[in-house]
Structures are given as structure tokens and as C-alpha cells.
Amino acid sequence: MLSYWQQPADGPVLGSTFFMDSGPRNQEARNYHSDGIFERVESEFLEEQKRNVSHMERHGPTDELEIVADYEYEFDPLGNWTKRTAWLSTPSLGQRKLYETDYRTVEYWNK
């Protein structure tokens, strides 16, 4: 369990987030509020070890689907991603749209 402070309009409220692995490549996170409601995020990872997310869904307090994110990767020869593309869709969008593309350079040192 992780505790956090949320800053609503009327001041901070203590809440909690629980993470539960539902399989070697799946995780569910629930974000509880002090009034007992919660949102949940379901994540699927490409592989068990590195935990690069491939698919994520956020569900609201009444379990309605709010947003879906799909991730695509390009990897270097050692298996670290060098390009990650995020696509988002919502019920109102109807189709997925490009949200962002991230690039990173990983430097390796020989001893």
C-alpha cells in the first residue's frame, strides 16, 4: 500500500493506492478516496521482468471505462527501449489517437 495526499478544492484528503499483480504480466491498481469510492487501472506488460506497459485501462468510480492507452516500442540490441509511442482512446473519441512519442538514448560502458 502506498499512501498519498490528494489536493481537492476544499483541502487535502488522505487516500491510498493498492497494487495487485493479477498474473506475471498483469497488474491492477486501485486508488481509494476517503469517501470509499475508488478508480482502478488495469495494466498489461510486454514481459514480466522489465515491466514495459503495453496496454492500460482506467475505469472510473462506477467502473465505466474512461481511457485506454496502448504503447508501442522500439528496442536496442540489449533490450532497452529507445522509442515509445503512446496511443489513447476514450469512449468520446471512439478511435485511438497518437498522444506522444518518447525517445531515449541508453549509453553502455565497458569495464
PDB file of N, CA and C in Angstrom:
ATOM      1  N   MET A   1       0.834  -1.169   0.000  1.00  0.00           N
ATOM      2  CA  MET A   1       0.000   0.000   0.000  1.00  0.00           C
ATOM      3  C   MET A   1       0.885   1.240   0.000  1.00  0.00           C
ATOM      4  N   LEU A   2       0.504   2.198  -0.798  1.00  0.00           N
ATOM      5  CA  LEU A   2       1.171   3.487  -0.804  1.00  0.00           C
ATOM      6  C   LEU A   2       0.171   4.524  -0.342  1.00  0.00           C
ATOM      7  N   SER A   3       0.563   5.408   0.558  1.00  0.00           N
ATOM      8  CA  SER A   3      -0.307   6.494   0.992  1.00  0.00           C
ATOM      9  C   SER A   3       0.090   7.753   0.267  1.00  0.00           C
ATOM     10  N   TYR A   4      -0.844   8.625   0.088  1.00  0.00           N
ATOM     11  CA  TYR A   4      -0.583   9.873  -0.606  1.00  0.00           C
ATOM     12  C   TYR A   4      -1.558  10.931  -0.105  1.00  0.00           C
ATOM     13  N   TRP A   5      -1.291  12.173  -0.449  1.00  0.00           N
ATOM     14  CA  TRP A   5      -2.215  13.266  -0.154  1.00  0.00           C
ATOM     15  C   TRP A   5      -2.777  13.761  -1.460  1.00  0.00           C
ATOM     16  N   GLN A   6      -4.090  13.868  -1.517  1.00  0.00           N
ATOM     17  CA  GLN A   6      -4.766  14.386  -2.691  1.00  0.00           C
ATOM     18  C   GLN A   6      -5.257  15.786  -2.352  1.00  0.00           C
ATOM     19  N   GLN A   7      -5.099  16.736  -3.276  1.00  0.00           N
ATOM     20  CA  GLN A   7      -5.463  18.111  -3.015  1.00  0.00           C
ATOM     21  C   GLN A   7      -6.771  18.471  -3.715  1.00  0.00           C
ATOM     22  N   PRO A   8      -7.935  18.174  -3.103  1.00  0.00           N
ATOM     23  CA  PRO A   8      -9.184  18.629  -3.703  1.00  0.00           C
ATOM     24  C   PRO A   8      -9.410  20.107  -3.404  1.00  0.00           C
ATOM     25  N   ALA A   9     -10.477  20.648  -3.927  1.00  0.00           N
ATOM     26  CA  ALA A   9     -10.755  22.075  -3.780  1.00  0.00           C
ATOM     27  C   ALA A   9     -10.897  22.497  -2.315  1.00  0.00           C
ATOM     28  N   ASP A  10     -11.400  21.618  -1.446  1.00  0.00           N
ATOM     29  CA  ASP A  10     -11.625  22.000  -0.052  1.00  0.00           C
ATOM     30  C   ASP A  10     -10.496  21.572   0.887  1.00  0.00           C
ATOM     31  N   GLY A  11      -9.322  21.201   0.368  1.00  0.00           N
ATOM     32  CA  GLY A  11      -8.172  20.867   1.208  1.00  0.00           C
ATOM     33  C   GLY A  11      -7.720  19.434   1.007  1.00  0.00           C
ATOM     34  N   PRO A  12      -6.568  19.073   1.601  1.00  0.00           N
ATOM     35  CA  PRO A  12      -6.002  17.732   1.401  1.00  0.00           C
ATOM     36  C   PRO A  12      -6.835  16.645   2.075  1.00  0.00           C
ATOM     37  N   VAL A  13      -6.860  15.472   1.430  1.00  0.00           N
ATOM     38  CA  VAL A  13      -7.558  14.305   1.946  1.00  0.00           C
ATOM     39  C   VAL A  13      -6.624  13.111   1.817  1.00  0.00           C
ATOM     40  N   LEU A  14      -6.497  12.332   2.878  1.00  0.00           N
ATOM     41  CA  LEU A  14      -5.659  11.148   2.853  1.00  0.00           C
ATOM     42  C   LEU A  14      -6.338  10.064   2.031  1.00  0.00           C
ATOM     43  N   GLY A  15      -5.584   9.400   1.173  1.00  0.00           N
ATOM     44  CA  GLY A  15      -6.101   8.299   0.365  1.00  0.00           C
ATOM     45  C   GLY A  15      -5.058   7.206   0.269  1.00  0.00           C
ATOM     46  N   SER A  16      -5.382   6.133  -0.414  1.00  0.00           N
ATOM     47  CA  SER A  16      -4.455   5.015  -0.548  1.00  0.00           C
ATOM     48  C   SER A  16      -4.555   4.422  -1.934  1.00  0.00           C
ATOM     49  N   THR A  17      -3.439   3.914  -2.424  1.00  0.00           N
ATOM     50  CA  THR A  17      -3.407   3.206  -3.681  1.00  0.00           C
ATOM     51  C   THR A  17      -2.885   1.800  -3.411  1.00  0.00           C
ATOM     52  N   PHE A  18      -3.603   0.794  -3.884  1.00  0.00           N
ATOM     53  CA  PHE A  18      -3.205  -0.598  -3.751  1.00  0.00           C
ATOM     54  C   PHE A  18      -2.846  -1.141  -5.124  1.00  0.00           C
ATOM     55  N   PHE A  19      -1.740  -1.874  -5.193  1.00  0.00           N
ATOM     56  CA  PHE A  19      -1.314  -2.525  -6.431  1.00  0.00           C
ATOM     57  C   PHE A  19      -1.399  -4.027  -6.222  1.00  0.00           C
ATOM     58  N   MET A  20      -2.057  -4.715  -7.157  1.00  0.00           N
ATOM     59  CA  MET A  20      -2.207  -6.163  -7.067  1.00  0.00           C
ATOM     60  C   MET A  20      -1.796  -6.782  -8.391  1.00  0.00           C
ATOM     61  N   ASP A  21      -0.827  -7.683  -8.358  1.00  0.00           N
ATOM     62  CA  ASP A  21      -0.469  -8.418  -9.570  1.00  0.00           C
ATOM     63  C   ASP A  21      -1.518  -9.494  -9.798  1.00  0.00           C
ATOM     64  N   SER A  22      -2.117  -9.483 -10.988  1.00  0.00           N
ATOM     65  CA  SER A  22      -3.138 -10.476 -11.307  1.00  0.00           C
ATOM     66  C   SER A  22      -2.601 -11.516 -12.284  1.00  0.00           C
ATOM     67  N   GLY A  23      -1.301 -11.564 -12.430  1.00  0.00           N
ATOM     68  CA  GLY A  23      -0.617 -12.501 -13.303  1.00  0.00           C
ATOM     69  C   GLY A  23       0.803 -12.012 -13.490  1.00  0.00           C
ATOM     70  N   PRO A  24       1.652 -12.786 -14.144  1.00  0.00           N
ATOM     71  CA  PRO A  24       3.053 -12.377 -14.287  1.00  0.00           C
ATOM     72  C   PRO A  24       3.234 -11.119 -15.135  1.00  0.00           C
ATOM     73  N   ARG A  25       2.257 -10.802 -15.991  1.00  0.00           N
ATOM     74  CA  ARG A  25       2.363  -9.622 -16.846  1.00  0.00           C
ATOM     75  C   ARG A  25       1.180  -8.674 -16.673  1.00  0.00           C
ATOM     76  N   ASN A  26       0.413  -8.834 -15.585  1.00  0.00           N
ATOM     77  CA  ASN A  26      -0.777  -8.010 -15.384  1.00  0.00           C
ATOM     78  C   ASN A  26      -0.793  -7.436 -13.970  1.00  0.00           C
ATOM     79  N   GLN A  27      -1.306  -6.214 -13.862  1.00  0.00           N
ATOM     80  CA  GLN A  27      -1.388  -5.558 -12.561  1.00  0.00           C
ATOM     81  C   GLN A  27      -2.668  -4.726 -12.513  1.00  0.00           C
ATOM     82  N   GLU A  28      -3.277  -4.679 -11.343  1.00  0.00           N
ATOM     83  CA  GLU A  28      -4.416  -3.801 -11.114  1.00  0.00           C
ATOM     84  C   GLU A  28      -4.044  -2.846  -9.987  1.00  0.00           C
ATOM     85  N   ALA A  29      -4.334  -1.581 -10.186  1.00  0.00           N
ATOM     86  CA  ALA A  29      -4.122  -0.568  -9.152  1.00  0.00           C
ATOM     87  C   ALA A  29      -5.473   0.036  -8.821  1.00  0.00           C
ATOM     88  N   ARG A  30      -5.746   0.190  -7.528  1.00  0.00           N
ATOM     89  CA  ARG A  30      -6.982   0.832  -7.083  1.00  0.00           C
ATOM     90  C   ARG A  30      -6.622   2.055  -6.255  1.00  0.00           C
ATOM     91  N   ASN A  31      -7.204   3.172  -6.638  1.00  0.00           N
ATOM     92  CA  ASN A  31      -6.963   4.437  -5.962  1.00  0.00           C
ATOM     93  C   ASN A  31      -8.204   4.759  -5.122  1.00  0.00           C
ATOM     94  N   TYR A  32      -8.092   4.536  -3.796  1.00  0.00           N
ATOM     95  CA  TYR A  32      -9.220   4.728  -2.891  1.00  0.00           C
ATOM     96  C   TYR A  32      -9.232   6.148  -2.343  1.00  0.00           C
ATOM     97  N   HIS A  33     -10.442   6.690  -2.193  1.00  0.00           N
ATOM     98  CA  HIS A  33     -10.632   8.008  -1.599  1.00  0.00           C
ATOM     99  C   HIS A  33     -11.233   7.846  -0.211  1.00  0.00           C
ATOM    100  N   SER A  34     -11.187   8.895   0.570  1.00  0.00           N
ATOM    101  CA  SER A  34     -11.659   8.821   1.953  1.00  0.00           C
ATOM    102  C   SER A  34     -13.158   8.535   2.043  1.00  0.00           C
ATOM    103  N   ASP A  35     -13.928   8.819   0.985  1.00  0.00           N
ATOM    104  CA  ASP A  35     -15.365   8.537   0.996  1.00  0.00           C
ATOM    105  C   ASP A  35     -15.689   7.109   0.566  1.00  0.00           C
ATOM    106  N   GLY A  36     -14.666   6.291   0.299  1.00  0.00           N
ATOM    107  CA  GLY A  36     -14.864   4.888  -0.035  1.00  0.00           C
ATOM    108  C   GLY A  36     -14.919   4.587  -1.518  1.00  0.00           C
ATOM    109  N   ILE A  37     -15.056   5.592  -2.371  1.00  0.00           N
ATOM    110  CA  ILE A  37     -15.059   5.312  -3.802  1.00  0.00           C
ATOM    111  C   ILE A  37     -13.636   5.088  -4.288  1.00  0.00           C
ATOM    112  N   PHE A  38     -13.507   4.437  -5.420  1.00  0.00           N
ATOM    113  CA  PHE A  38     -12.179   4.207  -5.977  1.00  0.00           C
ATOM    114  C   PHE A  38     -12.245   4.149  -7.489  1.00  0.00           C
ATOM    115  N   GLU A  39     -11.110   4.444  -8.107  1.00  0.00           N
ATOM    116  CA  GLU A  39     -10.907   4.213  -9.523  1.00  0.00           C
ATOM    117  C   GLU A  39      -9.905   3.083  -9.629  1.00  0.00           C
ATOM    118  N   ARG A  40      -9.904   2.393 -10.771  1.00  0.00           N
ATOM    119  CA  ARG A  40      -8.924   1.325 -10.937  1.00  0.00           C
ATOM    120  C   ARG A  40      -8.262   1.437 -12.296  1.00  0.00           C
ATOM    121  N   VAL A  41      -7.019   0.984 -12.345  1.00  0.00           N
ATOM    122  CA  VAL A  41      -6.239   0.957 -13.574  1.00  0.00           C
ATOM    123  C   VAL A  41      -5.734  -0.466 -13.763  1.00  0.00           C
ATOM    124  N   GLU A  42      -6.032  -1.040 -14.918  1.00  0.00           N
ATOM    125  CA  GLU A  42      -5.522  -2.365 -15.273  1.00  0.00           C
ATOM    126  C   GLU A  42      -4.390  -2.179 -16.268  1.00  0.00           C
ATOM    127  N   SER A  43      -3.246  -2.808 -15.985  1.00  0.00           N
ATOM    128  CA  SER A  43      -2.070  -2.685 -16.846  1.00  0.00           C
ATOM    129  C   SER A  43      -1.621  -4.059 -17.320  1.00  0.00           C
ATOM    130  N   GLU A  44      -1.180  -4.113 -18.563  1.00  0.00           N
ATOM    131  CA  GLU A  44      -0.576  -5.322 -19.123  1.00  0.00           C
ATOM    132  C   GLU A  44       0.823  -4.942 -19.591  1.00  0.00           C
ATOM    133  N   PHE A  45       1.805  -5.795 -19.304  1.00  0.00           N
ATOM    134  CA  PHE A  45       3.194  -5.525 -19.615  1.00  0.00           C
ATOM    135  C   PHE A  45       3.691  -6.451 -20.717  1.00  0.00           C
ATOM    136  N   LEU A  46       4.686  -5.990 -21.472  1.00  0.00           N
ATOM    137  CA  LEU A  46       5.258  -6.814 -22.535  1.00  0.00           C
ATOM    138  C   LEU A  46       5.928  -8.060 -21.987  1.00  0.00           C
ATOM    139  N   GLU A  47       6.632  -7.894 -20.877  1.00  0.00           N
ATOM    140  CA  GLU A  47       7.340  -9.004 -20.270  1.00  0.00           C
ATOM    141  C   GLU A  47       7.300  -8.842 -18.753  1.00  0.00           C
ATOM    142  N   GLU A  48       7.571  -9.903 -18.058  1.00  0.00           N
ATOM    143  CA  GLU A  48       7.465  -9.888 -16.604  1.00  0.00           C
ATOM    144  C   GLU A  48       8.574  -9.074 -15.938  1.00  0.00           C
ATOM    145  N   GLN A  49       9.802  -9.162 -16.450  1.00  0.00           N
ATOM    146  CA  GLN A  49      10.931  -8.569 -15.751  1.00  0.00           C
ATOM    147  C   GLN A  49      11.005  -7.045 -15.875  1.00  0.00           C
ATOM    148  N   LYS A  50      10.972  -6.521 -17.073  1.00  0.00           N
ATOM    149  CA  LYS A  50      11.188  -5.083 -17.268  1.00  0.00           C
ATOM    150  C   LYS A  50       9.935  -4.252 -17.063  1.00  0.00           C
ATOM    151  N   ARG A  51       8.789  -4.852 -17.146  1.00  0.00           N
ATOM    152  CA  ARG A  51       7.513  -4.187 -16.870  1.00  0.00           C
ATOM    153  C   ARG A  51       7.237  -2.989 -17.774  1.00  0.00           C
ATOM    154  N   ASN A  52       7.604  -3.088 -19.053  1.00  0.00           N
ATOM    155  CA  ASN A  52       7.222  -2.054 -20.014  1.00  0.00           C
ATOM    156  C   ASN A  52       5.739  -2.249 -20.327  1.00  0.00           C
ATOM    157  N   VAL A  53       4.937  -1.261 -20.023  1.00  0.00           N
ATOM    158  CA  VAL A  53       3.487  -1.377 -20.199  1.00  0.00           C
ATOM    159  C   VAL A  53       3.146  -1.419 -21.689  1.00  0.00           C
ATOM    160  N   SER A  54       2.239  -2.317 -22.057  1.00  0.00           N
ATOM    161  CA  SER A  54       1.793  -2.402 -23.445  1.00  0.00           C
ATOM    162  C   SER A  54       0.347  -1.938 -23.595  1.00  0.00           C
ATOM    163  N   HIS A  55      -0.451  -2.117 -22.545  1.00  0.00           N
ATOM    164  CA  HIS A  55      -1.863  -1.759 -22.602  1.00  0.00           C
ATOM    165  C   HIS A  55      -2.309  -1.350 -21.205  1.00  0.00           C
ATOM    166  N   MET A  56      -3.114  -0.283 -21.133  1.00  0.00           N
ATOM    167  CA  MET A  56      -3.590   0.198 -19.843  1.00  0.00           C
ATOM    168  C   MET A  56      -5.021   0.701 -20.004  1.00  0.00           C
ATOM    169  N   GLU A  57      -5.862   0.391 -19.010  1.00  0.00           N
ATOM    170  CA  GLU A  57      -7.245   0.864 -18.999  1.00  0.00           C
ATOM    171  C   GLU A  57      -7.555   1.499 -17.656  1.00  0.00           C
ATOM    172  N   ARG A  58      -8.157   2.688 -17.690  1.00  0.00           N
ATOM    173  CA  ARG A  58      -8.586   3.359 -16.462  1.00  0.00           C
ATOM    174  C   ARG A  58     -10.111   3.315 -16.400  1.00  0.00           C
ATOM    175  N   HIS A  59     -10.616   2.851 -15.241  1.00  0.00           N
ATOM    176  CA  HIS A  59     -12.053   2.756 -15.001  1.00  0.00           C
ATOM    177  C   HIS A  59     -12.416   3.701 -13.861  1.00  0.00           C
ATOM    178  N   GLY A  60     -13.524   4.404 -13.999  1.00  0.00           N
ATOM    179  CA  GLY A  60     -13.962   5.388 -13.015  1.00  0.00           C
ATOM    180  C   GLY A  60     -14.673   4.770 -11.833  1.00  0.00           C
ATOM    181  N   PRO A  61     -15.207   5.620 -10.946  1.00  0.00           N
ATOM    182  CA  PRO A  61     -15.846   5.160  -9.709  1.00  0.00           C
ATOM    183  C   PRO A  61     -17.030   4.230  -9.914  1.00  0.00           C
ATOM    184  N   THR A  62     -17.725   4.325 -11.042  1.00  0.00           N
ATOM    185  CA  THR A  62     -18.846   3.411 -11.311  1.00  0.00           C
ATOM    186  C   THR A  62     -18.423   2.298 -12.262  1.00  0.00           C
ATOM    187  N   ASP A  63     -17.111   2.092 -12.382  1.00  0.00           N
ATOM    188  CA  ASP A  63     -16.475   1.065 -13.211  1.00  0.00           C
ATOM    189  C   ASP A  63     -16.634   1.317 -14.712  1.00  0.00           C
ATOM    190  N   GLU A  64     -16.989   2.553 -15.089  1.00  0.00           N
ATOM    191  CA  GLU A  64     -17.070   2.877 -16.510  1.00  0.00           C
ATOM    192  C   GLU A  64     -15.663   3.057 -17.065  1.00  0.00           C
ATOM    193  N   LEU A  65     -15.470   2.617 -18.288  1.00  0.00           N
ATOM    194  CA  LEU A  65     -14.182   2.768 -18.952  1.00  0.00           C
ATOM    195  C   LEU A  65     -13.986   4.239 -19.305  1.00  0.00           C
ATOM    196  N   GLU A  66     -12.903   4.832 -18.803  1.00  0.00           N
ATOM    197  CA  GLU A  66     -12.643   6.253 -19.048  1.00  0.00           C
ATOM    198  C   GLU A  66     -11.622   6.478 -20.153  1.00  0.00           C
ATOM    199  N   ILE A  67     -10.552   5.676 -20.146  1.00  0.00           N
ATOM    200  CA  ILE A  67      -9.488   5.886 -21.130  1.00  0.00           C
ATOM    201  C   ILE A  67      -8.702   4.595 -21.318  1.00  0.00           C
ATOM    202  N   VAL A  68      -8.230   4.393 -22.545  1.00  0.00           N
ATOM    203  CA  VAL A  68      -7.396   3.243 -22.886  1.00  0.00           C
ATOM    204  C   VAL A  68      -6.102   3.777 -23.485  1.00  0.00           C
ATOM    205  N   ALA A  69      -4.979   3.226 -23.055  1.00  0.00           N
ATOM    206  CA  ALA A  69      -3.673   3.598 -23.608  1.00  0.00           C
ATOM    207  C   ALA A  69      -2.996   2.340 -24.142  1.00  0.00           C
ATOM    208  N   ASP A  70      -2.476   2.439 -25.360  1.00  0.00           N
ATOM    209  CA  ASP A  70      -1.694   1.360 -25.960  1.00  0.00           C
ATOM    210  C   ASP A  70      -0.309   1.910 -26.274  1.00  0.00           C
ATOM    211  N   TYR A  71       0.721   1.111 -25.984  1.00  0.00           N
ATOM    212  CA  TYR A  71       2.101   1.536 -26.161  1.00  0.00           C
ATOM    213  C   TYR A  71       2.806   0.639 -27.163  1.00  0.00           C
ATOM    214  N   GLU A  72       3.614   1.258 -28.020  1.00  0.00           N
ATOM    215  CA  GLU A  72       4.452   0.532 -28.972  1.00  0.00           C
ATOM    216  C   GLU A  72       5.896   0.932 -28.708  1.00  0.00           C
ATOM    217  N   TYR A  73       6.820  -0.014 -28.899  1.00  0.00           N
ATOM    218  CA  TYR A  73       8.227   0.211 -28.563  1.00  0.00           C
ATOM    219  C   TYR A  73       9.157  -0.166 -29.705  1.00  0.00           C
ATOM    220  N   GLU A  74      10.306   0.472 -29.719  1.00  0.00           N
ATOM    221  CA  GLU A  74      11.471   0.030 -30.486  1.00  0.00           C
ATOM    222  C   GLU A  74      12.585  -0.181 -29.470  1.00  0.00           C
ATOM    223  N   PHE A  75      13.333  -1.284 -29.628  1.00  0.00           N
ATOM    224  CA  PHE A  75      14.348  -1.666 -28.649  1.00  0.00           C
ATOM    225  C   PHE A  75      15.735  -1.662 -29.266  1.00  0.00           C
ATOM    226  N   ASP A  76      16.747  -1.420 -28.421  1.00  0.00           N
ATOM    227  CA  ASP A  76      18.132  -1.529 -28.871  1.00  0.00           C
ATOM    228  C   ASP A  76      18.558  -3.001 -28.774  1.00  0.00           C
ATOM    229  N   PRO A  77      19.773  -3.340 -29.224  1.00  0.00           N
ATOM    230  CA  PRO A  77      20.206  -4.750 -29.208  1.00  0.00           C
ATOM    231  C   PRO A  77      20.248  -5.393 -27.817  1.00  0.00           C
ATOM    232  N   LEU A  78      20.310  -4.582 -26.747  1.00  0.00           N
ATOM    233  CA  LEU A  78      20.330  -5.145 -25.401  1.00  0.00           C
ATOM    234  C   LEU A  78      18.950  -5.181 -24.753  1.00  0.00           C
ATOM    235  N   GLY A  79      17.918  -4.840 -25.495  1.00  0.00           N
ATOM    236  CA  GLY A  79      16.551  -4.974 -24.996  1.00  0.00           C
ATOM    237  C   GLY A  79      15.985  -3.774 -24.264  1.00  0.00           C
ATOM    238  N   ASN A  80      16.665  -2.641 -24.306  1.00  0.00           N
ATOM    239  CA  ASN A  80      16.135  -1.425 -23.694  1.00  0.00           C
ATOM    240  C   ASN A  80      15.427  -0.593 -24.758  1.00  0.00           C
ATOM    241  N   TRP A  81      14.284  -0.017 -24.404  1.00  0.00           N
ATOM    242  CA  TRP A  81      13.542   0.713 -25.420  1.00  0.00           C
ATOM    243  C   TRP A  81      14.223   2.046 -25.723  1.00  0.00           C
ATOM    244  N   THR A  82      14.185   2.398 -26.998  1.00  0.00           N
ATOM    245  CA  THR A  82      14.754   3.667 -27.467  1.00  0.00           C
ATOM    246  C   THR A  82      13.664   4.577 -28.028  1.00  0.00           C
ATOM    247  N   LYS A  83      12.516   3.998 -28.329  1.00  0.00           N
ATOM    248  CA  LYS A  83      11.370   4.785 -28.796  1.00  0.00           C
ATOM    249  C   LYS A  83      10.104   4.152 -28.227  1.00  0.00           C
ATOM    250  N   ARG A  84       9.246   5.004 -27.678  1.00  0.00           N
ATOM    251  CA  ARG A  84       7.967   4.532 -27.134  1.00  0.00           C
ATOM    252  C   ARG A  84       6.867   5.457 -27.654  1.00  0.00           C
ATOM    253  N   THR A  85       5.849   4.856 -28.235  1.00  0.00           N
ATOM    254  CA  THR A  85       4.725   5.617 -28.765  1.00  0.00           C
ATOM    255  C   THR A  85       3.491   5.277 -27.956  1.00  0.00           C
ATOM    256  N   ALA A  86       2.766   6.305 -27.513  1.00  0.00           N
ATOM    257  CA  ALA A  86       1.546   6.115 -26.725  1.00  0.00           C
ATOM    258  C   ALA A  86       0.336   6.558 -27.536  1.00  0.00           C
ATOM    259  N   TRP A  87      -0.647   5.672 -27.595  1.00  0.00           N
ATOM    260  CA  TRP A  87      -1.910   5.934 -28.287  1.00  0.00           C
ATOM    261  C   TRP A  87      -3.025   5.918 -27.259  1.00  0.00           C
ATOM    262  N   LEU A  88      -3.918   6.901 -27.295  1.00  0.00           N
ATOM    263  CA  LEU A  88      -5.019   6.973 -26.342  1.00  0.00           C
ATOM    264  C   LEU A  88      -6.356   6.896 -27.066  1.00  0.00           C
ATOM    265  N   SER A  89      -7.321   6.311 -26.371  1.00  0.00           N
ATOM    266  CA  SER A  89      -8.695   6.345 -26.859  1.00  0.00           C
ATOM    267  C   SER A  89      -9.620   6.476 -25.653  1.00  0.00           C
ATOM    268  N   THR A  90     -10.734   7.129 -25.874  1.00  0.00           N
ATOM    269  CA  THR A  90     -11.770   7.290 -24.859  1.00  0.00           C
ATOM    270  C   THR A  90     -13.104   6.975 -25.514  1.00  0.00           C
ATOM    271  N   PRO A  91     -14.129   6.709 -24.725  1.00  0.00           N
ATOM    272  CA  PRO A  91     -15.442   6.472 -25.334  1.00  0.00           C
ATOM    273  C   PRO A  91     -15.889   7.639 -26.223  1.00  0.00           C
ATOM    274  N   SER A  92     -15.539   8.856 -25.852  1.00  0.00           N
ATOM    275  CA  SER A  92     -15.967  10.003 -26.669  1.00  0.00           C
ATOM    276  C   SER A  92     -15.146  10.136 -27.951  1.00  0.00           C
ATOM    277  N   LEU A  93     -13.858   9.731 -27.922  1.00  0.00           N
ATOM    278  CA  LEU A  93     -13.043   9.786 -29.133  1.00  0.00           C
ATOM    279  C   LEU A  93     -13.458   8.718 -30.139  1.00  0.00           C
ATOM    280  N   GLY A  94     -13.759   7.546 -29.624  1.00  0.00           N
ATOM    281  CA  GLY A  94     -14.180   6.457 -30.490  1.00  0.00           C
ATOM    282  C   GLY A  94     -13.038   5.717 -31.167  1.00  0.00           C
ATOM    283  N   GLN A  95     -11.951   6.384 -31.473  1.00  0.00           N
ATOM    284  CA  GLN A  95     -10.795   5.738 -32.101  1.00  0.00           C
ATOM    285  C   GLN A  95      -9.547   6.219 -31.389  1.00  0.00           C
ATOM    286  N   ARG A  96      -8.487   5.440 -31.492  1.00  0.00           N
ATOM    287  CA  ARG A  96      -7.266   5.836 -30.801  1.00  0.00           C
ATOM    288  C   ARG A  96      -6.554   6.942 -31.552  1.00  0.00           C
ATOM    289  N   LYS A  97      -5.917   7.812 -30.777  1.00  0.00           N
ATOM    290  CA  LYS A  97      -5.179   8.936 -31.344  1.00  0.00           C
ATOM    291  C   LYS A  97      -3.783   8.946 -30.746  1.00  0.00           C
ATOM    292  N   LEU A  98      -2.815   9.370 -31.554  1.00  0.00           N
ATOM    293  CA  LEU A  98      -1.447   9.478 -31.072  1.00  0.00           C
ATOM    294  C   LEU A  98      -1.383  10.522 -29.968  1.00  0.00           C
ATOM    295  N   TYR A  99      -0.858  10.122 -28.813  1.00  0.00           N
ATOM    296  CA  TYR A  99      -0.740  11.035 -27.673  1.00  0.00           C
ATOM    297  C   TYR A  99       0.666  11.600 -27.577  1.00  0.00           C
ATOM    298  N   GLU A 100       1.684  10.718 -27.592  1.00  0.00           N
ATOM    299  CA  GLU A 100       3.060  11.195 -27.524  1.00  0.00           C
ATOM    300  C   GLU A 100       4.021  10.126 -28.019  1.00  0.00           C
ATOM    301  N   THR A 101       5.190  10.584 -28.422  1.00  0.00           N
ATOM    302  CA  THR A 101       6.291   9.701 -28.791  1.00  0.00           C
ATOM    303  C   THR A 101       7.494  10.118 -27.967  1.00  0.00           C
ATOM    304  N   ASP A 102       8.063   9.160 -27.243  1.00  0.00           N
ATOM    305  CA  ASP A 102       9.225   9.411 -26.391  1.00  0.00           C
ATOM    306  C   ASP A 102      10.441   8.715 -26.983  1.00  0.00           C
ATOM    307  N   TYR A 103      11.567   9.389 -26.926  1.00  0.00           N
ATOM    308  CA  TYR A 103      12.840   8.821 -27.366  1.00  0.00           C
ATOM    309  C   TYR A 103      13.806   8.861 -26.197  1.00  0.00           C
ATOM    310  N   ARG A 104      14.677   7.872 -26.122  1.00  0.00           N
ATOM    311  CA  ARG A 104      15.735   7.924 -25.122  1.00  0.00           C
ATOM    312  C   ARG A 104      16.975   7.239 -25.667  1.00  0.00           C
ATOM    313  N   THR A 105      18.113   7.698 -25.175  1.00  0.00           N
ATOM    314  CA  THR A 105      19.405   7.129 -25.540  1.00  0.00           C
ATOM    315  C   THR A 105      19.979   6.467 -24.301  1.00  0.00           C
ATOM    316  N   VAL A 106      20.383   5.232 -24.452  1.00  0.00           N
ATOM    317  CA  VAL A 106      20.989   4.495 -23.353  1.00  0.00           C
ATOM    318  C   VAL A 106      22.455   4.307 -23.707  1.00  0.00           C
ATOM    319  N   GLU A 107      23.341   4.751 -22.827  1.00  0.00           N
ATOM    320  CA  GLU A 107      24.780   4.585 -23.046  1.00  0.00           C
ATOM    321  C   GLU A 107      25.280   3.420 -22.212  1.00  0.00           C
ATOM    322  N   TYR A 108      26.104   2.592 -22.824  1.00  0.00           N
ATOM    323  CA  TYR A 108      26.662   1.423 -22.149  1.00  0.00           C
ATOM    324  C   TYR A 108      28.164   1.629 -21.990  1.00  0.00           C
ATOM    325  N   TRP A 109      28.660   1.295 -20.820  1.00  0.00           N
ATOM    326  CA  TRP A 109      30.085   1.452 -20.515  1.00  0.00           C
ATOM    327  C   TRP A 109      30.725   0.078 -20.382  1.00  0.00           C
ATOM    328  N   ASN A 110      31.873  -0.093 -21.016  1.00  0.00           N
ATOM    329  CA  ASN A 110      32.644  -1.332 -20.875  1.00  0.00           C
ATOM    330  C   ASN A 110      33.672  -1.135 -19.782  1.00  0.00           C
ATOM    331  N   LYS A 111      33.867  -2.158 -18.976  1.00  0.00           N
ATOM    332  CA  LYS A 111      34.845  -2.081 -17.904  1.00  0.00           C
ATOM    333  C   LYS A 111      36.188  -2.573 -18.385  1.00  0.00           C
TER     334      LYS A 111
END
